Protein backbone atom coordinates (compact mmCIF):
# COMPACT_ATOMS: atom_id res chain seq x y z
CA MET A 1 0.00 0.00 0.00
CA ALA A 2 1.27 3.45 -0.89
CA LYS A 3 0.13 7.01 -0.31
CA VAL A 4 0.91 10.32 -2.01
CA ALA A 5 1.43 13.73 -0.41
CA ASN A 6 3.54 16.80 -1.30
CA SER A 7 4.21 15.13 -4.71
CA LEU A 8 5.99 12.34 -2.81
CA LEU A 9 5.19 8.64 -2.72
CA ILE A 10 5.11 7.09 0.75
CA THR A 11 5.36 3.31 0.92
CA LYS A 12 4.87 1.51 4.23
CA GLU A 13 7.18 -1.45 4.84
CA GLU A 14 6.37 -2.99 8.23
CA ASP A 15 6.94 -0.07 10.66
CA LEU A 16 9.11 1.97 8.25
CA TYR A 17 7.95 4.54 5.72
CA ARG A 18 9.96 5.00 2.51
CA ILE A 19 9.56 8.43 0.89
CA SER A 20 10.27 8.67 -2.85
CA MET A 21 9.54 11.10 -5.63
CA THR A 22 6.44 10.45 -7.73
CA PRO A 23 6.91 10.02 -11.50
CA GLU A 24 4.94 13.27 -11.91
CA LEU A 25 7.41 15.17 -9.72
CA GLN A 26 10.34 13.62 -11.58
CA GLU A 27 8.79 14.82 -14.85
CA VAL A 28 8.26 18.36 -13.53
CA LEU A 29 11.80 18.63 -12.18
CA GLY A 30 13.72 17.16 -15.08
CA ASP A 31 17.28 15.98 -14.47
CA ILE A 32 18.34 16.42 -10.85
CA ALA A 33 21.85 17.79 -10.57
CA TYR A 34 22.32 18.47 -6.85
CA ILE A 35 20.68 17.51 -3.54
CA ASP A 36 21.32 18.49 0.04
CA PHE A 37 19.65 16.44 2.80
CA THR A 38 18.40 17.95 6.04
CA GLU A 39 20.71 17.28 8.96
CA GLU A 40 17.73 16.92 11.31
CA ASP A 41 16.95 13.38 12.47
CA VAL A 42 13.43 14.16 13.66
CA VAL A 43 11.05 15.91 11.26
CA GLU A 44 7.56 17.33 11.61
CA VAL A 45 5.00 17.63 8.82
CA ASP A 46 6.24 20.15 6.23
CA ASP A 47 9.81 20.17 7.58
CA SER A 48 12.45 20.06 4.87
CA LEU A 49 13.75 16.63 3.82
CA LEU A 50 16.10 17.96 1.19
CA ASN A 51 16.85 20.83 -1.13
CA LEU A 52 17.49 20.09 -4.77
CA GLU A 53 18.53 21.70 -8.00
CA SER A 54 17.39 20.30 -11.32
CA SER A 55 17.33 21.31 -14.96
CA LYS A 56 13.92 22.92 -14.42
CA ALA A 57 13.72 24.02 -10.78
CA VAL A 58 15.32 24.72 -7.44
CA MET A 59 13.11 23.52 -4.62
CA GLU A 60 12.74 22.11 -1.15
CA LEU A 61 10.95 18.80 -0.63
CA ALA A 62 8.86 18.88 2.54
CA SER A 63 8.00 15.86 4.66
CA PRO A 64 4.37 14.71 4.40
CA LEU A 65 4.68 12.96 7.78
CA ALA A 66 6.27 13.53 11.17
CA GLY A 67 8.80 10.93 12.21
CA THR A 68 12.42 9.97 12.77
CA ILE A 69 14.76 9.71 9.77
CA VAL A 70 16.41 6.31 10.10
CA SER A 71 18.05 6.31 6.67
CA ARG A 72 18.92 8.78 3.92
CA ASN A 73 19.67 7.74 0.35
CA GLU A 74 23.37 8.58 0.65
CA ALA A 75 24.02 7.05 -2.79
CA ALA A 76 21.74 9.74 -4.28
CA GLY A 77 23.70 12.36 -2.37
CA ALA A 78 26.78 11.27 -4.29
CA ASP A 79 24.88 10.64 -7.56
CA PRO A 80 21.69 12.80 -7.68
CA ASP A 81 20.74 11.17 -11.00
CA LEU A 82 19.51 8.18 -8.95
CA LEU A 83 16.45 10.27 -8.04
CA ASN A 84 15.59 10.38 -11.75
CA GLN A 85 15.34 6.57 -11.91
CA THR A 86 12.04 4.68 -12.05
CA ASP A 87 13.44 1.90 -9.82
CA ALA A 88 12.04 2.44 -6.30
CA SER A 89 15.14 0.82 -4.78
CA LYS A 90 17.21 3.70 -6.22
CA ASN A 91 14.96 6.79 -6.26
CA TRP A 92 13.98 6.95 -2.58
CA ILE A 93 14.84 9.98 -0.44
CA VAL A 94 14.53 8.98 3.22
CA ILE A 95 13.06 6.26 5.41
CA LEU A 96 11.08 7.30 8.49
CA SER A 97 10.15 5.46 11.67
CA ASN A 98 8.01 6.56 14.64
CA VAL A 99 5.25 7.70 12.26
CA ASP A 100 1.65 8.08 13.44
CA GLU A 101 -0.23 5.32 11.60
CA ALA A 102 -3.44 7.39 11.56
CA ALA A 103 -1.60 10.28 9.86
CA TYR A 104 -0.29 7.88 7.22
CA LYS A 105 -3.74 6.36 6.61
CA ALA A 106 -5.21 9.86 6.22
CA LEU A 107 -3.00 10.59 3.20
CA GLU A 108 -4.37 10.08 -0.32
CA GLY A 109 -3.69 7.01 -2.38
CA PRO A 110 -1.84 7.36 -5.71
CA LYS A 111 -3.86 8.59 -8.69
CA ASN A 112 -4.02 6.19 -11.62
C-alpha cells in the first residue's frame, strides 16, 4: 500500500515509511543535478527533507509525515541522478520510523 502527499510517494514497509519522488514530480523537475539532505533526524509535517537543484527548478521537498529519519539515500547524495530513476530501490529519499499510523492512513492514495 502506498500514499501520495507533497508530490511524494510514501510506501509503508512494516513499521518503516519509505519516501520517494512520484513520477509526476520527476517529470516536472527534469534531471536532478544536486541535492542536500536535512541534517535533522526528527522531522515534523512540512519540515524540509532535502533541497534540490534540477534542470527545471530549485526547490525544497517537505515531509508529508512527522517521524524519525532512520536512513537517507546517501548514494543519491553522491549521484543525484539516482532520483531520476524509475526503480524504487534507487529513487527513494529517506526512510522514516516513529510515524503516526493514523496520519499515514489519512494521506491520499496514488492517482491512476
